[in-house]
Amino acid sequence: MAEAGAGAAVCAGEGRRPYERRVYAQKVAAVEAVCRRIEAGVTLAEACRCPTAPPWSTMQWWLGRYPELRAMVDAAQAVAANVFPPRRAYHRWNPKVAAEVLSRVEDGRGLDEVCAAPDMPAYSTVMRWIKERPDYFDAYMLARDAQADRLFDLAWRLALEATEATTKTARLKIQTLKWRCAKLAPRRYGTIKAQAPEDEADAAPEPVTRFEVRHFAVTPDNEVVETTRAVRGMSPAENTAFRQAIREGRITLDELEALNAAGEPVNGPRRRPG
């Protein structure tokens, strides 16, 4: 049980495997096993992580001492290269590489197209840069804005170079470029409505919404009259008493009109309906 636990720890990458001295025949057999794994599509480093394979440092020492073992590994890697596509190298943050990505985007290429080049970082890597680096996000948005200008000029060139035989194809390309320009820079190339500049939109104050509660009362003749200005500043009890006085005729319509005229509206003068 103890040996099984130790083997599981080695498979999980916990701890360092003990050094194992091997004769030359055992070294050849171990390298052959590693080569079979390389031909199956794994890298040399991945093959050396197997518990039955020699560690990476040991393998490198063997390959440096025995040229014939190095030739076996090189041959296996050549076979794998013909069968499996090359792996994309991981790109750490590099200002020159990041600037080259933006330069190719400005030339009119999509980000997925740029990242498909073997010398460029993967799409997920660039998206991580954009999300984690605010300065790079701003530069990326400027590159997209410049891309719209580049595509707009491309649409004009396609229109000038179109012939009777290529008119249909050119029209489709131009319409697609117009759509992309409108999405990339809607303020300049949008077809629906003009967009306010981003700085002005950010600086625009929020709209203020005001509410006014209107009050009404009933006269002895069952006529509904407005008391909004007259009761402004009254408590609910005073408001109720005021409406009751109108109902009983103790406050005439002339007196109510005078009280309403003395009050000031909240949102300025209001037009009387009708």
C-alpha atoms as a PDB file:
ATOM      1  CA  MET A   1       0.000   0.000   0.000  1.00  0.00           C
ATOM      2  CA  ALA A   2       2.879   2.353   0.803  1.00  0.00           C
ATOM      3  CA  GLU A   3       4.449   1.711  -2.613  1.00  0.00           C
ATOM      4  CA  ALA A   4       1.101   2.389  -4.323  1.00  0.00           C
ATOM      5  CA  GLY A   5       0.770   5.683  -2.467  1.00  0.00           C
ATOM      6  CA  ALA A   6       4.275   6.724  -3.469  1.00  0.00           C
ATOM      7  CA  GLY A   7       3.541   5.867  -7.096  1.00  0.00           C
ATOM      8  CA  ALA A   8       0.372   7.972  -7.033  1.00  0.00           C
ATOM      9  CA  ALA A   9       2.328  10.893  -5.627  1.00  0.00           C
ATOM     10  CA  VAL A  10       4.858  10.624  -8.440  1.00  0.00           C
ATOM     11  CA  CYS A  11       2.080  10.510 -11.072  1.00  0.00           C
ATOM     12  CA  ALA A  12       0.542  13.657  -9.574  1.00  0.00           C
ATOM     13  CA  GLY A  13       3.887  15.442  -9.746  1.00  0.00           C
ATOM     14  CA  GLU A  14       4.380  15.512  -5.968  1.00  0.00           C
ATOM     15  CA  GLY A  15       7.926  15.070  -4.754  1.00  0.00           C
ATOM     16  CA  ARG A  16      11.058  14.252  -6.735  1.00  0.00           C
ATOM     17  CA  ARG A  17      11.634  10.833  -8.213  1.00  0.00           C
ATOM     18  CA  PRO A  18      14.730   9.068  -6.830  1.00  0.00           C
ATOM     19  CA  TYR A  19      17.703   8.711  -9.143  1.00  0.00           C
ATOM     20  CA  GLU A  20      17.857   5.314 -10.830  1.00  0.00           C
ATOM     21  CA  ARG A  21      21.124   4.130 -12.336  1.00  0.00           C
ATOM     22  CA  ARG A  22      20.613   2.230 -15.588  1.00  0.00           C
ATOM     23  CA  VAL A  23      22.902   0.326 -17.890  1.00  0.00           C
ATOM     24  CA  TYR A  24      23.168   1.340 -21.537  1.00  0.00           C
ATOM     25  CA  ALA A  25      20.631  -1.239 -22.710  1.00  0.00           C
ATOM     26  CA  GLN A  26      18.089   0.076 -20.220  1.00  0.00           C
ATOM     27  CA  LYS A  27      18.744   3.613 -21.410  1.00  0.00           C
ATOM     28  CA  VAL A  28      18.072   2.601 -25.000  1.00  0.00           C
ATOM     29  CA  ALA A  29      14.838   0.860 -23.997  1.00  0.00           C
ATOM     30  CA  ALA A  30      13.711   3.906 -21.996  1.00  0.00           C
ATOM     31  CA  VAL A  31      14.438   6.274 -24.897  1.00  0.00           C
ATOM     32  CA  GLU A  32      12.565   3.985 -27.297  1.00  0.00           C
ATOM     33  CA  ALA A  33       9.519   4.121 -25.011  1.00  0.00           C
ATOM     34  CA  VAL A  34       9.770   7.912 -24.895  1.00  0.00           C
ATOM     35  CA  CYS A  35      10.030   8.049 -28.697  1.00  0.00           C
ATOM     36  CA  ARG A  36       6.848   6.004 -29.039  1.00  0.00           C
ATOM     37  CA  ARG A  37       5.012   8.546 -26.909  1.00  0.00           C
ATOM     38  CA  ILE A  38       6.466  11.413 -28.945  1.00  0.00           C
ATOM     39  CA  GLU A  39       5.257   9.797 -32.168  1.00  0.00           C
ATOM     40  CA  ALA A  40       1.807   9.527 -30.543  1.00  0.00           C
ATOM     41  CA  GLY A  41       1.637  13.297 -30.270  1.00  0.00           C
ATOM     42  CA  VAL A  42       3.098  14.307 -26.890  1.00  0.00           C
ATOM     43  CA  THR A  43       6.114  16.497 -26.336  1.00  0.00           C
ATOM     44  CA  LEU A  44       9.406  15.314 -24.902  1.00  0.00           C
ATOM     45  CA  ALA A  45       8.685  17.101 -21.616  1.00  0.00           C
ATOM     46  CA  GLU A  46       5.265  15.438 -21.367  1.00  0.00           C
ATOM     47  CA  ALA A  47       6.748  12.020 -22.133  1.00  0.00           C
ATOM     48  CA  CYS A  48       9.305  12.471 -19.339  1.00  0.00           C
ATOM     49  CA  ARG A  49       6.527  13.097 -16.825  1.00  0.00           C
ATOM     50  CA  CYS A  50       5.505   9.455 -17.029  1.00  0.00           C
ATOM     51  CA  PRO A  51       6.607   7.627 -13.821  1.00  0.00           C
ATOM     52  CA  THR A  52       8.247   4.844 -15.867  1.00  0.00           C
ATOM     53  CA  ALA A  53      10.221   7.284 -18.044  1.00  0.00           C
ATOM     54  CA  PRO A  54      13.481   8.958 -17.053  1.00  0.00           C
ATOM     55  CA  PRO A  55      13.111  12.499 -15.652  1.00  0.00           C
ATOM     56  CA  TRP A  56      13.637  15.473 -17.943  1.00  0.00           C
ATOM     57  CA  SER A  57      17.068  16.285 -16.514  1.00  0.00           C
ATOM     58  CA  THR A  58      18.225  12.685 -16.897  1.00  0.00           C
ATOM     59  CA  MET A  59      16.939  12.524 -20.471  1.00  0.00           C
ATOM     60  CA  GLN A  60      18.756  15.721 -21.385  1.00  0.00           C
ATOM     61  CA  TRP A  61      21.992  14.345 -19.925  1.00  0.00           C
ATOM     62  CA  TRP A  62      21.605  11.108 -21.935  1.00  0.00           C
ATOM     63  CA  LEU A  63      20.870  12.956 -25.169  1.00  0.00           C
ATOM     64  CA  GLY A  64      23.903  15.151 -24.689  1.00  0.00           C
ATOM     65  CA  ARG A  65      26.219  12.207 -24.033  1.00  0.00           C
ATOM     66  CA  TYR A  66      24.899   9.687 -26.572  1.00  0.00           C
ATOM     67  CA  PRO A  67      24.418  11.091 -30.093  1.00  0.00           C
ATOM     68  CA  GLU A  68      22.586   7.939 -31.191  1.00  0.00           C
ATOM     69  CA  LEU A  69      19.889   8.520 -28.541  1.00  0.00           C
ATOM     70  CA  ARG A  70      19.596  12.129 -29.664  1.00  0.00           C
ATOM     71  CA  ALA A  71      19.096  10.888 -33.249  1.00  0.00           C
ATOM     72  CA  MET A  72      16.290   8.578 -32.084  1.00  0.00           C
ATOM     73  CA  VAL A  73      14.443  11.441 -30.397  1.00  0.00           C
ATOM     74  CA  ASP A  74      14.957  13.768 -33.386  1.00  0.00           C
ATOM     75  CA  ALA A  75      13.551  11.112 -35.720  1.00  0.00           C
ATOM     76  CA  ALA A  76      10.489  10.638 -33.487  1.00  0.00           C
ATOM     77  CA  GLN A  77       9.887  14.389 -33.367  1.00  0.00           C
ATOM     78  CA  ALA A  78      10.139  14.558 -37.173  1.00  0.00           C
ATOM     79  CA  VAL A  79       7.517  11.822 -37.510  1.00  0.00           C
ATOM     80  CA  ALA A  80       5.195  13.638 -35.096  1.00  0.00           C
ATOM     81  CA  ALA A  81       5.678  16.927 -36.982  1.00  0.00           C
ATOM     82  CA  ASN A  82       4.418  15.303 -40.188  1.00  0.00           C
ATOM     83  CA  VAL A  83       1.315  13.919 -38.479  1.00  0.00           C
ATOM     84  CA  PHE A  84       0.327  16.560 -35.933  1.00  0.00           C
ATOM     85  CA  PRO A  85       0.067  20.343 -36.451  1.00  0.00           C
ATOM     86  CA  PRO A  86       2.701  22.451 -34.729  1.00  0.00           C
ATOM     87  CA  ARG A  87       1.819  23.612 -31.245  1.00  0.00           C
ATOM     88  CA  ARG A  88       1.414  27.275 -30.541  1.00  0.00           C
ATOM     89  CA  ALA A  89       4.099  28.583 -28.231  1.00  0.00           C
ATOM     90  CA  TYR A  90       2.837  30.322 -25.107  1.00  0.00           C
ATOM     91  CA  HIS A  91       3.363  34.066 -25.245  1.00  0.00           C
ATOM     92  CA  ARG A  92       3.974  36.040 -22.092  1.00  0.00           C
ATOM     93  CA  TRP A  93       3.283  39.749 -22.120  1.00  0.00           C
ATOM     94  CA  ASN A  94       5.608  41.379 -24.596  1.00  0.00           C
ATOM     95  CA  PRO A  95       5.119  45.049 -25.604  1.00  0.00           C
ATOM     96  CA  LYS A  96       6.550  44.444 -29.092  1.00  0.00           C
ATOM     97  CA  VAL A  97       4.274  41.452 -29.749  1.00  0.00           C
ATOM     98  CA  ALA A  98       1.274  43.328 -28.343  1.00  0.00           C
ATOM     99  CA  ALA A  99       2.021  46.318 -30.577  1.00  0.00           C
ATOM    100  CA  GLU A 100       2.329  44.041 -33.619  1.00  0.00           C
ATOM    101  CA  VAL A 101      -1.111  42.580 -32.871  1.00  0.00           C
ATOM    102  CA  LEU A 102      -2.621  46.066 -32.849  1.00  0.00           C
ATOM    103  CA  SER A 103      -0.750  47.005 -36.016  1.00  0.00           C
ATOM    104  CA  ARG A 104      -2.258  44.067 -37.885  1.00  0.00           C
ATOM    105  CA  VAL A 105      -5.704  44.893 -36.539  1.00  0.00           C
ATOM    106  CA  GLU A 106      -5.318  48.462 -37.845  1.00  0.00           C
ATOM    107  CA  ASP A 107      -4.480  47.025 -41.271  1.00  0.00           C
ATOM    108  CA  GLY A 108      -8.036  45.703 -41.463  1.00  0.00           C
ATOM    109  CA  ARG A 109      -7.687  42.142 -40.204  1.00  0.00           C
ATOM    110  CA  GLY A 110      -9.946  40.581 -37.617  1.00  0.00           C
ATOM    111  CA  LEU A 111      -8.475  39.610 -34.283  1.00  0.00           C
ATOM    112  CA  ASP A 112      -9.154  35.927 -34.925  1.00  0.00           C
ATOM    113  CA  GLU A 113      -7.337  36.206 -38.265  1.00  0.00           C
ATOM    114  CA  VAL A 114      -4.378  37.946 -36.636  1.00  0.00           C
ATOM    115  CA  CYS A 115      -4.093  35.331 -33.888  1.00  0.00           C
ATOM    116  CA  ALA A 116      -4.197  32.494 -36.437  1.00  0.00           C
ATOM    117  CA  ALA A 117      -0.689  33.443 -37.637  1.00  0.00           C
ATOM    118  CA  PRO A 118       1.976  31.135 -36.166  1.00  0.00           C
ATOM    119  CA  ASP A 119       4.096  34.048 -34.953  1.00  0.00           C
ATOM    120  CA  MET A 120       1.222  35.639 -33.036  1.00  0.00           C
ATOM    121  CA  PRO A 121      -0.148  34.744 -29.581  1.00  0.00           C
ATOM    122  CA  ALA A 122      -3.340  32.751 -29.289  1.00  0.00           C
ATOM    123  CA  TYR A 123      -6.717  34.475 -29.348  1.00  0.00           C
ATOM    124  CA  SER A 124      -7.326  33.659 -25.681  1.00  0.00           C
ATOM    125  CA  THR A 125      -3.966  35.203 -24.742  1.00  0.00           C
ATOM    126  CA  VAL A 126      -4.756  38.503 -26.465  1.00  0.00           C
ATOM    127  CA  MET A 127      -8.222  38.609 -24.904  1.00  0.00           C
ATOM    128  CA  ARG A 128      -6.622  38.100 -21.493  1.00  0.00           C
ATOM    129  CA  TRP A 129      -4.289  41.036 -22.167  1.00  0.00           C
ATOM    130  CA  ILE A 130      -7.284  43.191 -23.133  1.00  0.00           C
ATOM    131  CA  LYS A 131      -9.216  42.265 -19.980  1.00  0.00           C
ATOM    132  CA  GLU A 132      -6.342  42.545 -17.521  1.00  0.00           C
ATOM    133  CA  ARG A 133      -4.570  45.634 -18.897  1.00  0.00           C
ATOM    134  CA  PRO A 134      -6.694  48.825 -19.130  1.00  0.00           C
ATOM    135  CA  ASP A 135      -4.014  50.647 -21.138  1.00  0.00           C
ATOM    136  CA  TYR A 136      -3.947  47.838 -23.701  1.00  0.00           C
ATOM    137  CA  PHE A 137      -7.745  47.854 -23.856  1.00  0.00           C
ATOM    138  CA  ASP A 138      -7.672  51.569 -24.736  1.00  0.00           C
ATOM    139  CA  ALA A 139      -5.021  50.942 -27.393  1.00  0.00           C
ATOM    140  CA  TYR A 140      -7.081  48.074 -28.807  1.00  0.00           C
ATOM    141  CA  MET A 141     -10.177  50.277 -29.097  1.00  0.00           C
ATOM    142  CA  LEU A 142      -8.111  52.936 -30.902  1.00  0.00           C
ATOM    143  CA  ALA A 143      -6.839  50.251 -33.269  1.00  0.00           C
ATOM    144  CA  ARG A 144     -10.405  49.157 -34.002  1.00  0.00           C
ATOM    145  CA  ASP A 145     -11.331  52.786 -34.650  1.00  0.00           C
ATOM    146  CA  ALA A 146      -8.433  53.120 -37.106  1.00  0.00           C
ATOM    147  CA  GLN A 147      -9.486  49.839 -38.689  1.00  0.00           C
ATOM    148  CA  ALA A 148     -12.851  51.384 -39.578  1.00  0.00           C
ATOM    149  CA  ASP A 149     -11.090  54.125 -41.556  1.00  0.00           C
ATOM    150  CA  ARG A 150      -8.976  51.518 -43.330  1.00  0.00           C
ATOM    151  CA  LEU A 151     -12.039  49.441 -44.282  1.00  0.00           C
ATOM    152  CA  PHE A 152     -13.877  52.554 -45.441  1.00  0.00           C
ATOM    153  CA  ASP A 153     -11.039  53.337 -47.846  1.00  0.00           C
ATOM    154  CA  LEU A 154     -11.035  49.707 -48.974  1.00  0.00           C
ATOM    155  CA  ALA A 155     -14.741  49.912 -49.856  1.00  0.00           C
ATOM    156  CA  TRP A 156     -14.066  53.008 -51.961  1.00  0.00           C
ATOM    157  CA  ARG A 157     -11.217  51.261 -53.785  1.00  0.00           C
ATOM    158  CA  LEU A 158     -13.434  48.244 -54.516  1.00  0.00           C
ATOM    159  CA  ALA A 159     -16.070  50.540 -55.949  1.00  0.00           C
ATOM    160  CA  LEU A 160     -13.538  52.259 -58.238  1.00  0.00           C
ATOM    161  CA  GLU A 161     -12.024  48.987 -59.432  1.00  0.00           C
ATOM    162  CA  ALA A 162     -15.361  47.232 -60.047  1.00  0.00           C
ATOM    163  CA  THR A 163     -16.238  46.239 -63.603  1.00  0.00           C
ATOM    164  CA  GLU A 164     -19.433  44.999 -65.186  1.00  0.00           C
ATOM    165  CA  ALA A 165     -18.336  41.422 -64.563  1.00  0.00           C
ATOM    166  CA  THR A 166     -17.454  42.008 -60.894  1.00  0.00           C
ATOM    167  CA  THR A 167     -20.213  44.429 -59.918  1.00  0.00           C
ATOM    168  CA  LYS A 168     -22.286  41.845 -58.060  1.00  0.00           C
ATOM    169  CA  THR A 169     -19.358  40.574 -56.022  1.00  0.00           C
ATOM    170  CA  ALA A 170     -18.075  44.096 -55.362  1.00  0.00           C
ATOM    171  CA  ARG A 171     -21.506  45.192 -54.141  1.00  0.00           C
ATOM    172  CA  LEU A 172     -21.584  42.343 -51.604  1.00  0.00           C
ATOM    173  CA  LYS A 173     -18.092  43.203 -50.358  1.00  0.00           C
ATOM    174  CA  ILE A 174     -18.889  46.906 -50.108  1.00  0.00           C
ATOM    175  CA  GLN A 175     -22.099  46.277 -48.169  1.00  0.00           C
ATOM    176  CA  THR A 176     -20.209  44.023 -45.750  1.00  0.00           C
ATOM    177  CA  LEU A 177     -17.484  46.638 -45.288  1.00  0.00           C
ATOM    178  CA  LYS A 178     -20.093  49.334 -44.685  1.00  0.00           C
ATOM    179  CA  TRP A 179     -21.704  47.184 -42.004  1.00  0.00           C
ATOM    180  CA  ARG A 180     -18.354  46.585 -40.291  1.00  0.00           C
ATOM    181  CA  CYS A 181     -17.477  50.283 -40.407  1.00  0.00           C
ATOM    182  CA  ALA A 182     -20.834  51.167 -38.851  1.00  0.00           C
ATOM    183  CA  LYS A 183     -20.254  48.673 -36.023  1.00  0.00           C
ATOM    184  CA  LEU A 184     -16.634  49.668 -35.407  1.00  0.00           C
ATOM    185  CA  ALA A 185     -17.183  53.455 -35.511  1.00  0.00           C
ATOM    186  CA  PRO A 186     -20.929  54.193 -35.257  1.00  0.00           C
ATOM    187  CA  ARG A 187     -20.359  57.869 -34.514  1.00  0.00           C
ATOM    188  CA  ARG A 188     -18.739  58.394 -37.927  1.00  0.00           C
ATOM    189  CA  TYR A 189     -20.098  55.610 -40.117  1.00  0.00           C
ATOM    190  CA  GLY A 190     -23.393  54.692 -38.412  1.00  0.00           C
ATOM    191  CA  THR A 191     -26.434  54.808 -40.690  1.00  0.00           C
ATOM    192  CA  ILE A 192     -29.222  54.968 -38.098  1.00  0.00           C
ATOM    193  CA  LYS A 193     -28.461  58.164 -36.185  1.00  0.00           C
ATOM    194  CA  ALA A 194     -25.513  60.297 -35.245  1.00  0.00           C
ATOM    195  CA  GLN A 195     -23.743  59.231 -32.084  1.00  0.00           C
ATOM    196  CA  ALA A 196     -22.611  61.771 -29.515  1.00  0.00           C
ATOM    197  CA  PRO A 197     -18.867  61.813 -28.795  1.00  0.00           C
ATOM    198  CA  GLU A 198     -17.917  59.542 -25.956  1.00  0.00           C
ATOM    199  CA  ASP A 199     -16.501  62.362 -23.824  1.00  0.00           C
ATOM    200  CA  GLU A 200     -19.682  64.419 -24.215  1.00  0.00           C
ATOM    201  CA  ALA A 201     -21.855  61.412 -23.489  1.00  0.00           C
ATOM    202  CA  ASP A 202     -19.929  60.737 -20.316  1.00  0.00           C
ATOM    203  CA  ALA A 203     -20.144  64.354 -19.219  1.00  0.00           C
ATOM    204  CA  ALA A 204     -23.899  64.698 -19.859  1.00  0.00           C
ATOM    205  CA  PRO A 205     -25.809  65.198 -16.585  1.00  0.00           C
ATOM    206  CA  GLU A 206     -28.402  62.679 -15.592  1.00  0.00           C
ATOM    207  CA  PRO A 207     -31.993  63.775 -16.281  1.00  0.00           C
ATOM    208  CA  VAL A 208     -33.925  65.029 -13.254  1.00  0.00           C
ATOM    209  CA  THR A 209     -37.447  63.704 -12.822  1.00  0.00           C
ATOM    210  CA  ARG A 210     -39.906  65.744 -10.775  1.00  0.00           C
ATOM    211  CA  PHE A 211     -43.339  64.714  -9.536  1.00  0.00           C
ATOM    212  CA  GLU A 212     -46.252  66.897  -8.478  1.00  0.00           C
ATOM    213  CA  VAL A 213     -49.262  65.536  -6.619  1.00  0.00           C
ATOM    214  CA  ARG A 214     -52.435  67.303  -7.681  1.00  0.00           C
ATOM    215  CA  HIS A 215     -55.357  67.805  -5.296  1.00  0.00           C
ATOM    216  CA  PHE A 216     -59.041  68.206  -6.075  1.00  0.00           C
ATOM    217  CA  ALA A 217     -62.253  68.935  -4.181  1.00  0.00           C
ATOM    218  CA  VAL A 218     -66.033  68.826  -4.857  1.00  0.00           C
ATOM    219  CA  THR A 219     -68.328  71.860  -4.562  1.00  0.00           C
ATOM    220  CA  PRO A 220     -71.898  71.712  -3.260  1.00  0.00           C
ATOM    221  CA  ASP A 221     -73.005  71.555  -6.925  1.00  0.00           C
ATOM    222  CA  ASN A 222     -70.850  68.373  -7.442  1.00  0.00           C
ATOM    223  CA  GLU A 223     -68.339  70.287  -9.572  1.00  0.00           C
ATOM    224  CA  VAL A 224     -64.740  69.069  -9.356  1.00  0.00           C
ATOM    225  CA  VAL A 225     -62.241  71.883  -8.794  1.00  0.00           C
ATOM    226  CA  GLU A 226     -58.472  71.789  -8.409  1.00  0.00           C
ATOM    227  CA  THR A 227     -56.946  72.803  -5.068  1.00  0.00           C
ATOM    228  CA  THR A 228     -53.293  71.925  -5.762  1.00  0.00           C
ATOM    229  CA  ARG A 229     -51.814  75.400  -5.247  1.00  0.00           C
ATOM    230  CA  ALA A 230     -54.189  76.410  -2.502  1.00  0.00           C
ATOM    231  CA  VAL A 231     -53.347  73.462  -0.210  1.00  0.00           C
ATOM    232  CA  ARG A 232     -49.583  73.537  -0.776  1.00  0.00           C
ATOM    233  CA  GLY A 233     -47.854  73.478   2.602  1.00  0.00           C
ATOM    234  CA  MET A 234     -50.907  72.125   4.452  1.00  0.00           C
ATOM    235  CA  SER A 235     -50.840  68.985   6.541  1.00  0.00           C
ATOM    236  CA  PRO A 236     -53.084  66.038   5.550  1.00  0.00           C
ATOM    237  CA  ALA A 237     -55.575  66.993   8.284  1.00  0.00           C
ATOM    238  CA  GLU A 238     -55.679  70.613   7.114  1.00  0.00           C
ATOM    239  CA  ASN A 239     -56.074  69.476   3.521  1.00  0.00           C
ATOM    240  CA  THR A 240     -59.039  67.310   4.496  1.00  0.00           C
ATOM    241  CA  ALA A 241     -60.649  70.162   6.413  1.00  0.00           C
ATOM    242  CA  PHE A 242     -60.104  72.528   3.467  1.00  0.00           C
ATOM    243  CA  ARG A 243     -61.808  70.144   1.034  1.00  0.00           C
ATOM    244  CA  GLN A 244     -64.679  69.678   3.508  1.00  0.00           C
ATOM    245  CA  ALA A 245     -65.137  73.467   3.704  1.00  0.00           C
ATOM    246  CA  ILE A 246     -65.409  73.620  -0.093  1.00  0.00           C
ATOM    247  CA  ARG A 247     -67.892  70.759  -0.041  1.00  0.00           C
ATOM    248  CA  GLU A 248     -70.077  72.599   2.492  1.00  0.00           C
ATOM    249  CA  GLY A 249     -69.853  75.921   0.605  1.00  0.00           C
ATOM    250  CA  ARG A 250     -67.912  77.758   3.300  1.00  0.00           C
ATOM    251  CA  ILE A 251     -65.235  78.544   0.707  1.00  0.00           C
ATOM    252  CA  THR A 252     -66.574  79.979  -2.534  1.00  0.00           C
ATOM    253  CA  LEU A 253     -65.109  79.428  -6.001  1.00  0.00           C
ATOM    254  CA  ASP A 254     -63.872  83.037  -6.099  1.00  0.00           C
ATOM    255  CA  GLU A 255     -62.021  82.536  -2.820  1.00  0.00           C
ATOM    256  CA  LEU A 256     -60.553  79.232  -4.098  1.00  0.00           C
ATOM    257  CA  GLU A 257     -59.383  80.876  -7.325  1.00  0.00           C
ATOM    258  CA  ALA A 258     -57.669  83.601  -5.309  1.00  0.00           C
ATOM    259  CA  LEU A 259     -55.933  81.036  -3.103  1.00  0.00           C
ATOM    260  CA  ASN A 260     -54.795  79.034  -6.162  1.00  0.00           C
ATOM    261  CA  ALA A 261     -53.473  82.203  -7.802  1.00  0.00           C
ATOM    262  CA  ALA A 262     -51.409  82.995  -4.723  1.00  0.00           C
ATOM    263  CA  GLY A 263     -49.701  79.581  -4.759  1.00  0.00           C
ATOM    264  CA  GLU A 264     -46.592  78.866  -6.921  1.00  0.00           C
ATOM    265  CA  PRO A 265     -46.488  75.720  -9.095  1.00  0.00           C
ATOM    266  CA  VAL A 266     -43.588  73.272  -8.675  1.00  0.00           C
ATOM    267  CA  ASN A 267     -42.663  72.959 -12.362  1.00  0.00           C
ATOM    268  CA  GLY A 268     -43.758  76.419 -13.553  1.00  0.00           C
ATOM    269  CA  PRO A 269     -47.156  77.491 -14.864  1.00  0.00           C
ATOM    270  CA  ARG A 270     -49.389  74.694 -16.063  1.00  0.00           C
ATOM    271  CA  ARG A 271     -51.751  75.000 -18.958  1.00  0.00           C
ATOM    272  CA  ARG A 272     -55.353  74.403 -18.017  1.00  0.00           C
ATOM    273  CA  PRO A 273     -56.708  71.412 -19.977  1.00  0.00           C
ATOM    274  CA  GLY A 274     -59.340  72.110 -22.571  1.00  0.00           C
END
